[in-house]
Amino acid sequence: MQRCVKTSGLPADIALEVLPFVRSINRLIERLRIAITHQRRFVASAAHELRSPLAALSLQAENLGSAISTTDASARLKAFQSGLRRTHRLVEQLLELARSEQAAPREMQTVSLRALATDAVNSVLPMARERDVDLGFERFDDAMVMLDEAAVAVILRNLVDNAVRYVPVGGKVDISVSCLETEVMFEVLDSGRGIPQAELERVLEPFYRLDHSTSVGSGLGLSIVSDVARRTGGRLMLENVEGGFRARYFHPLKQNGVARPQVGL
């Protein structure tokens, strides 16, 4: 005959014989929670500590460029600087990932769509030039809107960075910003080969990279976008289209929080 007990903190009427297993599982879950918390703190701390030495190395490399005269040495320095930029971007993405997992909801602010989108484009212009990628705006609804500025900035930067990084050299990346009735839509369309349908969900996992990818990346960009979108109540849509790949992010607007859009660019 099974005996049942009521124990504080546990569901009522648990069989006495099962109770030790339930407590063991609960202790294991708590240890996992603590371990994950420590891991996130370590990643954030390590990434933060790496920012200063990387910035110093970048400055030294830039100063060294004026002292180099041979073509071979100049090519080696450019390769070194390119590696530094990739490492710096990885560090920034690790910090963004840690913040997205720990961040509390922020107050919405009235911001310019033009400023947000322009900042995202400017942040990846050096890489676009390096890879000869045609990067620009296809459509632009300019307006002052009320939204989570920091969250949207992270999403836009990562979507544009991801497109420019993985599109073939000499490819094209078009950005559109559309102000809808209850949300803003940011679209990044590239001329790359797309993502196999079976892997569309897996690319949202941290550090996941496609087998056929020839570009150097961390596999964090879309994972960060997905995490931040979920936290802010936004919607992320990824789809293969004819001649390329399209990422759309829909960010909710606060009611009566948008001015009449002005279509430009």
C-alpha atoms as a PDB file:
ATOM      1  CA  MET A   1       0.000   0.000   0.000  1.00  0.00           C
ATOM      2  CA  GLN A   2       1.406   3.405  -0.984  1.00  0.00           C
ATOM      3  CA  ARG A   3       1.612   6.067   1.663  1.00  0.00           C
ATOM      4  CA  CYS A   4       1.103   9.670   0.613  1.00  0.00           C
ATOM      5  CA  VAL A   5       2.397  12.766   2.345  1.00  0.00           C
ATOM      6  CA  LYS A   6       2.105  16.511   1.969  1.00  0.00           C
ATOM      7  CA  THR A   7       5.467  18.223   2.010  1.00  0.00           C
ATOM      8  CA  SER A   8       6.105  21.968   2.031  1.00  0.00           C
ATOM      9  CA  GLY A   9       7.328  23.194  -1.351  1.00  0.00           C
ATOM     10  CA  LEU A  10       6.257  20.022  -3.156  1.00  0.00           C
ATOM     11  CA  PRO A  11       2.981  18.974  -4.785  1.00  0.00           C
ATOM     12  CA  ALA A  12       0.472  17.435  -2.391  1.00  0.00           C
ATOM     13  CA  ASP A  13      -0.087  13.688  -2.083  1.00  0.00           C
ATOM     14  CA  ILE A  14       3.333  12.486  -3.292  1.00  0.00           C
ATOM     15  CA  ALA A  15       3.926   8.812  -2.598  1.00  0.00           C
ATOM     16  CA  LEU A  16       6.429   8.477   0.264  1.00  0.00           C
ATOM     17  CA  GLU A  17       8.532   6.016  -1.753  1.00  0.00           C
ATOM     18  CA  VAL A  18       8.946   8.584  -4.572  1.00  0.00           C
ATOM     19  CA  LEU A  19       9.805  11.519  -2.334  1.00  0.00           C
ATOM     20  CA  PRO A  20      13.628  10.952  -2.271  1.00  0.00           C
ATOM     21  CA  PHE A  21      13.708  10.940  -6.099  1.00  0.00           C
ATOM     22  CA  VAL A  22      11.672  14.139  -6.301  1.00  0.00           C
ATOM     23  CA  ARG A  23      13.996  15.885  -3.861  1.00  0.00           C
ATOM     24  CA  SER A  24      17.067  14.657  -5.771  1.00  0.00           C
ATOM     25  CA  ILE A  25      15.679  15.995  -9.057  1.00  0.00           C
ATOM     26  CA  ASN A  26      14.863  19.345  -7.448  1.00  0.00           C
ATOM     27  CA  ARG A  27      18.413  19.604  -6.056  1.00  0.00           C
ATOM     28  CA  LEU A  28      19.824  18.778  -9.503  1.00  0.00           C
ATOM     29  CA  ILE A  29      17.661  21.457 -11.160  1.00  0.00           C
ATOM     30  CA  GLU A  30      18.816  24.015  -8.602  1.00  0.00           C
ATOM     31  CA  ARG A  31      22.493  23.109  -9.192  1.00  0.00           C
ATOM     32  CA  LEU A  32      21.944  23.486 -12.940  1.00  0.00           C
ATOM     33  CA  ARG A  33      20.317  26.879 -12.421  1.00  0.00           C
ATOM     34  CA  ILE A  34      23.270  28.066 -10.338  1.00  0.00           C
ATOM     35  CA  ALA A  35      25.785  26.693 -12.864  1.00  0.00           C
ATOM     36  CA  ILE A  36      24.040  28.440 -15.771  1.00  0.00           C
ATOM     37  CA  THR A  37      23.951  31.711 -13.816  1.00  0.00           C
ATOM     38  CA  HIS A  38      27.688  31.448 -13.078  1.00  0.00           C
ATOM     39  CA  GLN A  39      28.418  30.634 -16.718  1.00  0.00           C
ATOM     40  CA  ARG A  40      26.515  33.703 -17.943  1.00  0.00           C
ATOM     41  CA  ARG A  41      28.315  35.927 -15.446  1.00  0.00           C
ATOM     42  CA  PHE A  42      31.683  34.507 -16.526  1.00  0.00           C
ATOM     43  CA  VAL A  43      30.960  35.101 -20.217  1.00  0.00           C
ATOM     44  CA  ALA A  44      29.872  38.685 -19.553  1.00  0.00           C
ATOM     45  CA  SER A  45      32.887  39.396 -17.309  1.00  0.00           C
ATOM     46  CA  ALA A  46      35.394  37.804 -19.682  1.00  0.00           C
ATOM     47  CA  ALA A  47      33.993  39.653 -22.682  1.00  0.00           C
ATOM     48  CA  HIS A  48      34.051  42.944 -20.785  1.00  0.00           C
ATOM     49  CA  GLU A  49      37.696  42.436 -19.734  1.00  0.00           C
ATOM     50  CA  LEU A  50      38.725  41.712 -23.327  1.00  0.00           C
ATOM     51  CA  ARG A  51      37.377  44.974 -24.727  1.00  0.00           C
ATOM     52  CA  SER A  52      40.188  47.236 -23.475  1.00  0.00           C
ATOM     53  CA  PRO A  53      43.181  45.143 -24.668  1.00  0.00           C
ATOM     54  CA  LEU A  54      41.512  44.630 -28.037  1.00  0.00           C
ATOM     55  CA  ALA A  55      40.968  48.373 -28.407  1.00  0.00           C
ATOM     56  CA  ALA A  56      44.621  48.984 -27.505  1.00  0.00           C
ATOM     57  CA  LEU A  57      45.810  46.410 -30.052  1.00  0.00           C
ATOM     58  CA  SER A  58      43.631  47.978 -32.756  1.00  0.00           C
ATOM     59  CA  LEU A  59      45.109  51.419 -32.037  1.00  0.00           C
ATOM     60  CA  GLN A  60      48.665  50.071 -32.126  1.00  0.00           C
ATOM     61  CA  ALA A  61      48.001  48.291 -35.411  1.00  0.00           C
ATOM     62  CA  GLU A  62      46.592  51.501 -36.893  1.00  0.00           C
ATOM     63  CA  ASN A  63      49.677  53.465 -35.798  1.00  0.00           C
ATOM     64  CA  LEU A  64      51.923  50.756 -37.203  1.00  0.00           C
ATOM     65  CA  GLY A  65      50.334  51.164 -40.625  1.00  0.00           C
ATOM     66  CA  SER A  66      52.011  54.552 -41.180  1.00  0.00           C
ATOM     67  CA  ALA A  67      55.438  53.035 -40.508  1.00  0.00           C
ATOM     68  CA  ILE A  68      55.126  50.148 -42.971  1.00  0.00           C
ATOM     69  CA  SER A  69      56.450  50.608 -46.468  1.00  0.00           C
ATOM     70  CA  THR A  70      56.617  47.159 -48.071  1.00  0.00           C
ATOM     71  CA  THR A  71      53.613  45.630 -49.832  1.00  0.00           C
ATOM     72  CA  ASP A  72      54.014  42.263 -48.106  1.00  0.00           C
ATOM     73  CA  ALA A  73      54.110  43.775 -44.622  1.00  0.00           C
ATOM     74  CA  SER A  74      51.114  45.961 -45.433  1.00  0.00           C
ATOM     75  CA  ALA A  75      49.102  42.929 -46.540  1.00  0.00           C
ATOM     76  CA  ARG A  76      50.009  41.081 -43.351  1.00  0.00           C
ATOM     77  CA  LEU A  77      48.966  44.066 -41.248  1.00  0.00           C
ATOM     78  CA  LYS A  78      45.599  44.274 -43.024  1.00  0.00           C
ATOM     79  CA  ALA A  79      44.988  40.584 -42.335  1.00  0.00           C
ATOM     80  CA  PHE A  80      45.885  41.158 -38.676  1.00  0.00           C
ATOM     81  CA  GLN A  81      43.519  44.130 -38.447  1.00  0.00           C
ATOM     82  CA  SER A  82      40.744  42.098 -40.050  1.00  0.00           C
ATOM     83  CA  GLY A  83      41.233  39.402 -37.403  1.00  0.00           C
ATOM     84  CA  LEU A  84      41.121  42.027 -34.663  1.00  0.00           C
ATOM     85  CA  ARG A  85      37.813  43.369 -36.010  1.00  0.00           C
ATOM     86  CA  ARG A  86      36.318  39.874 -36.030  1.00  0.00           C
ATOM     87  CA  THR A  87      37.503  39.244 -32.477  1.00  0.00           C
ATOM     88  CA  HIS A  88      36.163  42.595 -31.321  1.00  0.00           C
ATOM     89  CA  ARG A  89      32.788  41.808 -32.916  1.00  0.00           C
ATOM     90  CA  LEU A  90      32.715  38.416 -31.177  1.00  0.00           C
ATOM     91  CA  VAL A  91      33.363  40.089 -27.821  1.00  0.00           C
ATOM     92  CA  GLU A  92      30.571  42.594 -28.469  1.00  0.00           C
ATOM     93  CA  GLN A  93      28.185  39.785 -29.386  1.00  0.00           C
ATOM     94  CA  LEU A  94      29.054  37.833 -26.239  1.00  0.00           C
ATOM     95  CA  LEU A  95      28.222  40.915 -24.190  1.00  0.00           C
ATOM     96  CA  GLU A  96      24.978  41.425 -26.118  1.00  0.00           C
ATOM     97  CA  LEU A  97      24.036  37.781 -25.551  1.00  0.00           C
ATOM     98  CA  ALA A  98      24.707  38.021 -21.813  1.00  0.00           C
ATOM     99  CA  ARG A  99      22.709  41.240 -21.561  1.00  0.00           C
ATOM    100  CA  SER A 100      19.796  39.842 -23.558  1.00  0.00           C
ATOM    101  CA  GLU A 101      19.536  36.884 -21.173  1.00  0.00           C
ATOM    102  CA  GLN A 102      19.614  39.007 -18.032  1.00  0.00           C
ATOM    103  CA  ALA A 103      17.994  42.279 -19.062  1.00  0.00           C
ATOM    104  CA  ALA A 104      14.827  43.493 -17.407  1.00  0.00           C
ATOM    105  CA  PRO A 105      12.150  45.247 -19.482  1.00  0.00           C
ATOM    106  CA  ARG A 106      13.147  48.818 -20.314  1.00  0.00           C
ATOM    107  CA  GLU A 107      11.094  51.955 -20.598  1.00  0.00           C
ATOM    108  CA  MET A 108      10.155  52.806 -24.172  1.00  0.00           C
ATOM    109  CA  GLN A 109      11.621  55.971 -25.668  1.00  0.00           C
ATOM    110  CA  THR A 110      10.737  58.222 -28.570  1.00  0.00           C
ATOM    111  CA  VAL A 111      13.463  57.733 -31.171  1.00  0.00           C
ATOM    112  CA  SER A 112      14.132  58.379 -34.838  1.00  0.00           C
ATOM    113  CA  LEU A 113      13.833  55.403 -37.170  1.00  0.00           C
ATOM    114  CA  ARG A 114      16.318  57.093 -39.481  1.00  0.00           C
ATOM    115  CA  ALA A 115      18.929  57.381 -36.733  1.00  0.00           C
ATOM    116  CA  LEU A 116      18.440  53.772 -35.615  1.00  0.00           C
ATOM    117  CA  ALA A 117      18.764  52.302 -39.098  1.00  0.00           C
ATOM    118  CA  THR A 118      21.623  54.586 -40.124  1.00  0.00           C
ATOM    119  CA  ASP A 119      23.636  53.660 -37.027  1.00  0.00           C
ATOM    120  CA  ALA A 120      23.154  49.958 -37.809  1.00  0.00           C
ATOM    121  CA  VAL A 121      24.393  50.444 -41.375  1.00  0.00           C
ATOM    122  CA  ASN A 122      27.357  52.596 -40.320  1.00  0.00           C
ATOM    123  CA  SER A 123      28.474  49.946 -37.821  1.00  0.00           C
ATOM    124  CA  VAL A 124      29.061  47.388 -40.611  1.00  0.00           C
ATOM    125  CA  LEU A 125      30.181  49.688 -43.435  1.00  0.00           C
ATOM    126  CA  PRO A 126      33.887  48.803 -43.016  1.00  0.00           C
ATOM    127  CA  MET A 127      33.105  45.101 -43.465  1.00  0.00           C
ATOM    128  CA  ALA A 128      30.802  45.838 -46.413  1.00  0.00           C
ATOM    129  CA  ARG A 129      33.577  47.778 -48.156  1.00  0.00           C
ATOM    130  CA  GLU A 130      36.106  45.070 -47.361  1.00  0.00           C
ATOM    131  CA  ARG A 131      33.852  42.436 -48.959  1.00  0.00           C
ATOM    132  CA  ASP A 132      32.660  44.716 -51.791  1.00  0.00           C
ATOM    133  CA  VAL A 133      29.037  44.363 -50.677  1.00  0.00           C
ATOM    134  CA  ASP A 134      26.465  46.814 -52.041  1.00  0.00           C
ATOM    135  CA  LEU A 135      24.760  47.901 -48.794  1.00  0.00           C
ATOM    136  CA  GLY A 136      21.932  50.437 -48.774  1.00  0.00           C
ATOM    137  CA  PHE A 137      18.278  51.293 -48.185  1.00  0.00           C
ATOM    138  CA  GLU A 138      15.516  49.995 -50.435  1.00  0.00           C
ATOM    139  CA  ARG A 139      12.618  51.670 -48.582  1.00  0.00           C
ATOM    140  CA  PHE A 140      12.575  54.066 -45.673  1.00  0.00           C
ATOM    141  CA  ASP A 141       9.584  55.333 -43.661  1.00  0.00           C
ATOM    142  CA  ASP A 142      11.073  58.015 -41.466  1.00  0.00           C
ATOM    143  CA  ALA A 143       9.241  58.764 -38.232  1.00  0.00           C
ATOM    144  CA  MET A 144       9.665  59.426 -34.547  1.00  0.00           C
ATOM    145  CA  VAL A 145       8.374  56.324 -32.768  1.00  0.00           C
ATOM    146  CA  MET A 146       8.152  55.041 -29.217  1.00  0.00           C
ATOM    147  CA  LEU A 147      10.013  51.763 -28.726  1.00  0.00           C
ATOM    148  CA  ASP A 148      12.819  50.037 -26.835  1.00  0.00           C
ATOM    149  CA  GLU A 149      15.768  51.826 -28.478  1.00  0.00           C
ATOM    150  CA  ALA A 150      18.582  49.707 -27.025  1.00  0.00           C
ATOM    151  CA  ALA A 151      16.870  46.420 -27.914  1.00  0.00           C
ATOM    152  CA  VAL A 152      16.044  47.460 -31.480  1.00  0.00           C
ATOM    153  CA  ALA A 153      19.588  48.771 -32.012  1.00  0.00           C
ATOM    154  CA  VAL A 154      21.017  45.373 -31.030  1.00  0.00           C
ATOM    155  CA  ILE A 155      18.589  43.557 -33.344  1.00  0.00           C
ATOM    156  CA  LEU A 156      19.263  45.798 -36.343  1.00  0.00           C
ATOM    157  CA  ARG A 157      23.030  45.705 -35.916  1.00  0.00           C
ATOM    158  CA  ASN A 158      23.059  41.925 -35.769  1.00  0.00           C
ATOM    159  CA  LEU A 159      20.671  41.435 -38.700  1.00  0.00           C
ATOM    160  CA  VAL A 160      22.707  43.735 -40.962  1.00  0.00           C
ATOM    161  CA  ASP A 161      26.020  42.320 -39.722  1.00  0.00           C
ATOM    162  CA  ASN A 162      24.819  38.775 -40.370  1.00  0.00           C
ATOM    163  CA  ALA A 163      23.678  39.591 -43.920  1.00  0.00           C
ATOM    164  CA  VAL A 164      26.883  41.413 -44.890  1.00  0.00           C
ATOM    165  CA  ARG A 165      29.078  38.740 -43.328  1.00  0.00           C
ATOM    166  CA  TYR A 166      27.490  35.755 -45.076  1.00  0.00           C
ATOM    167  CA  VAL A 167      26.475  37.167 -48.453  1.00  0.00           C
ATOM    168  CA  PRO A 168      29.003  36.257 -51.189  1.00  0.00           C
ATOM    169  CA  VAL A 169      31.770  38.756 -51.907  1.00  0.00           C
ATOM    170  CA  GLY A 170      30.383  41.370 -54.281  1.00  0.00           C
ATOM    171  CA  GLY A 171      26.817  40.634 -53.172  1.00  0.00           C
ATOM    172  CA  LYS A 172      23.988  42.961 -52.255  1.00  0.00           C
ATOM    173  CA  VAL A 173      22.151  43.766 -49.010  1.00  0.00           C
ATOM    174  CA  ASP A 174      18.999  45.909 -49.071  1.00  0.00           C
ATOM    175  CA  ILE A 175      17.420  47.337 -45.931  1.00  0.00           C
ATOM    176  CA  SER A 176      13.809  48.473 -45.615  1.00  0.00           C
ATOM    177  CA  VAL A 177      12.104  50.245 -42.723  1.00  0.00           C
ATOM    178  CA  SER A 178       8.305  50.308 -42.792  1.00  0.00           C
ATOM    179  CA  CYS A 179       6.147  52.073 -40.218  1.00  0.00           C
ATOM    180  CA  LEU A 180       2.910  50.092 -39.862  1.00  0.00           C
ATOM    181  CA  GLU A 181      -0.187  50.799 -37.760  1.00  0.00           C
ATOM    182  CA  THR A 182       0.835  48.941 -34.605  1.00  0.00           C
ATOM    183  CA  GLU A 183       4.456  47.976 -35.280  1.00  0.00           C
ATOM    184  CA  VAL A 184       7.602  48.845 -37.172  1.00  0.00           C
ATOM    185  CA  MET A 185       8.997  46.348 -39.687  1.00  0.00           C
ATOM    186  CA  PHE A 186      12.725  46.151 -40.327  1.00  0.00           C
ATOM    187  CA  GLU A 187      13.691  44.032 -43.326  1.00  0.00           C
ATOM    188  CA  VAL A 188      17.151  42.889 -44.406  1.00  0.00           C
ATOM    189  CA  LEU A 189      17.270  41.217 -47.813  1.00  0.00           C
ATOM    190  CA  ASP A 190      20.509  39.753 -49.137  1.00  0.00           C
ATOM    191  CA  SER A 191      21.565  38.065 -52.365  1.00  0.00           C
ATOM    192  CA  GLY A 192      23.133  35.060 -50.630  1.00  0.00           C
ATOM    193  CA  ARG A 193      22.373  31.393 -51.085  1.00  0.00           C
ATOM    194  CA  GLY A 194      19.954  31.293 -48.167  1.00  0.00           C
ATOM    195  CA  ILE A 195      19.555  28.752 -45.378  1.00  0.00           C
ATOM    196  CA  PRO A 196      18.343  25.170 -45.882  1.00  0.00           C
ATOM    197  CA  GLN A 197      14.746  24.885 -44.688  1.00  0.00           C
ATOM    198  CA  ALA A 198      15.653  22.196 -42.153  1.00  0.00           C
ATOM    199  CA  GLU A 199      18.167  24.532 -40.496  1.00  0.00           C
ATOM    200  CA  LEU A 200      16.065  27.690 -40.238  1.00  0.00           C
ATOM    201  CA  GLU A 201      15.291  27.053 -36.562  1.00  0.00           C
ATOM    202  CA  ARG A 202      18.765  25.783 -35.706  1.00  0.00           C
ATOM    203  CA  VAL A 203      20.437  29.031 -36.803  1.00  0.00           C
ATOM    204  CA  LEU A 204      18.723  30.642 -33.797  1.00  0.00           C
ATOM    205  CA  GLU A 205      20.817  28.475 -31.469  1.00  0.00           C
ATOM    206  CA  PRO A 206      23.945  30.109 -29.968  1.00  0.00           C
ATOM    207  CA  PHE A 207      27.168  29.332 -31.894  1.00  0.00           C
ATOM    208  CA  TYR A 208      25.384  27.340 -34.607  1.00  0.00           C
ATOM    209  CA  ARG A 209      26.952  27.826 -38.042  1.00  0.00           C
ATOM    210  CA  LEU A 210      25.967  26.350 -41.386  1.00  0.00           C
ATOM    211  CA  ASP A 211      28.225  23.636 -42.755  1.00  0.00           C
ATOM    212  CA  HIS A 212      28.486  25.321 -46.147  1.00  0.00           C
ATOM    213  CA  SER A 213      29.409  28.729 -44.733  1.00  0.00           C
ATOM    214  CA  THR A 214      32.785  30.022 -45.884  1.00  0.00           C
ATOM    215  CA  SER A 215      32.658  33.239 -43.848  1.00  0.00           C
ATOM    216  CA  VAL A 216      34.226  33.613 -40.437  1.00  0.00           C
ATOM    217  CA  GLY A 217      31.533  34.256 -37.838  1.00  0.00           C
ATOM    218  CA  SER A 218      30.565  33.352 -34.296  1.00  0.00           C
ATOM    219  CA  GLY A 219      27.120  31.920 -34.958  1.00  0.00           C
ATOM    220  CA  LEU A 220      25.709  34.309 -32.343  1.00  0.00           C
ATOM    221  CA  GLY A 221      24.013  37.032 -34.395  1.00  0.00           C
ATOM    222  CA  LEU A 222      20.619  35.444 -35.047  1.00  0.00           C
ATOM    223  CA  SER A 223      20.568  33.869 -31.588  1.00  0.00           C
ATOM    224  CA  ILE A 224      20.929  37.326 -30.029  1.00  0.00           C
ATOM    225  CA  VAL A 225      18.208  38.693 -32.311  1.00  0.00           C
ATOM    226  CA  SER A 226      15.863  35.859 -31.321  1.00  0.00           C
ATOM    227  CA  ASP A 227      16.472  36.349 -27.580  1.00  0.00           C
ATOM    228  CA  VAL A 228      15.993  40.123 -27.680  1.00  0.00           C
ATOM    229  CA  ALA A 229      12.898  39.816 -29.899  1.00  0.00           C
ATOM    230  CA  ARG A 230      11.325  37.381 -27.460  1.00  0.00           C
ATOM    231  CA  ARG A 231      12.073  39.674 -24.514  1.00  0.00           C
ATOM    232  CA  THR A 232      10.583  42.745 -26.188  1.00  0.00           C
ATOM    233  CA  GLY A 233       7.517  40.999 -27.601  1.00  0.00           C
ATOM    234  CA  GLY A 234       8.679  41.405 -31.191  1.00  0.00           C
ATOM    235  CA  ARG A 235       8.416  38.947 -34.083  1.00  0.00           C
ATOM    236  CA  LEU A 236      11.298  37.564 -36.112  1.00  0.00           C
ATOM    237  CA  MET A 237      10.667  35.989 -39.520  1.00  0.00           C
ATOM    238  CA  LEU A 238      13.373  34.253 -41.551  1.00  0.00           C
ATOM    239  CA  GLU A 239      12.690  32.987 -45.044  1.00  0.00           C
ATOM    240  CA  ASN A 240      14.390  31.989 -48.260  1.00  0.00           C
ATOM    241  CA  VAL A 241      13.241  34.063 -51.224  1.00  0.00           C
ATOM    242  CA  GLU A 242      14.050  33.940 -54.903  1.00  0.00           C
ATOM    243  CA  GLY A 243      17.622  35.085 -55.320  1.00  0.00           C
ATOM    244  CA  GLY A 244      18.462  35.385 -51.667  1.00  0.00           C
ATOM    245  CA  PHE A 245      17.433  35.388 -48.027  1.00  0.00           C
ATOM    246  CA  ARG A 246      15.159  37.720 -46.070  1.00  0.00           C
ATOM    247  CA  ALA A 247      15.030  38.519 -42.355  1.00  0.00           C
ATOM    248  CA  ARG A 248      12.149  40.569 -40.996  1.00  0.00           C
ATOM    249  CA  TYR A 249      11.768  41.923 -37.498  1.00  0.00           C
ATOM    250  CA  PHE A 250       8.454  43.406 -36.337  1.00  0.00           C
ATOM    251  CA  HIS A 251       8.696  45.592 -33.241  1.00  0.00           C
ATOM    252  CA  PRO A 252       5.504  46.550 -31.385  1.00  0.00           C
ATOM    253  CA  LEU A 253       4.740  50.216 -30.953  1.00  0.00           C
ATOM    254  CA  LYS A 254       3.177  51.797 -27.921  1.00  0.00           C
ATOM    255  CA  GLN A 255      -0.365  52.923 -28.704  1.00  0.00           C
ATOM    256  CA  ASN A 256      -0.382  56.480 -30.081  1.00  0.00           C
ATOM    257  CA  GLY A 257       3.398  56.323 -29.956  1.00  0.00           C
ATOM    258  CA  VAL A 258       4.151  57.019 -33.614  1.00  0.00           C
ATOM    259  CA  ALA A 259       4.169  60.167 -35.656  1.00  0.00           C
ATOM    260  CA  ARG A 260       2.948  60.286 -39.222  1.00  0.00           C
ATOM    261  CA  PRO A 261       5.676  58.617 -41.304  1.00  0.00           C
ATOM    262  CA  GLN A 262       7.566  60.472 -43.994  1.00  0.00           C
ATOM    263  CA  VAL A 263       8.630  58.202 -46.842  1.00  0.00           C
ATOM    264  CA  GLY A 264      12.121  58.954 -48.048  1.00  0.00           C
ATOM    265  CA  LEU A 265      15.383  57.597 -49.444  1.00  0.00           C
END
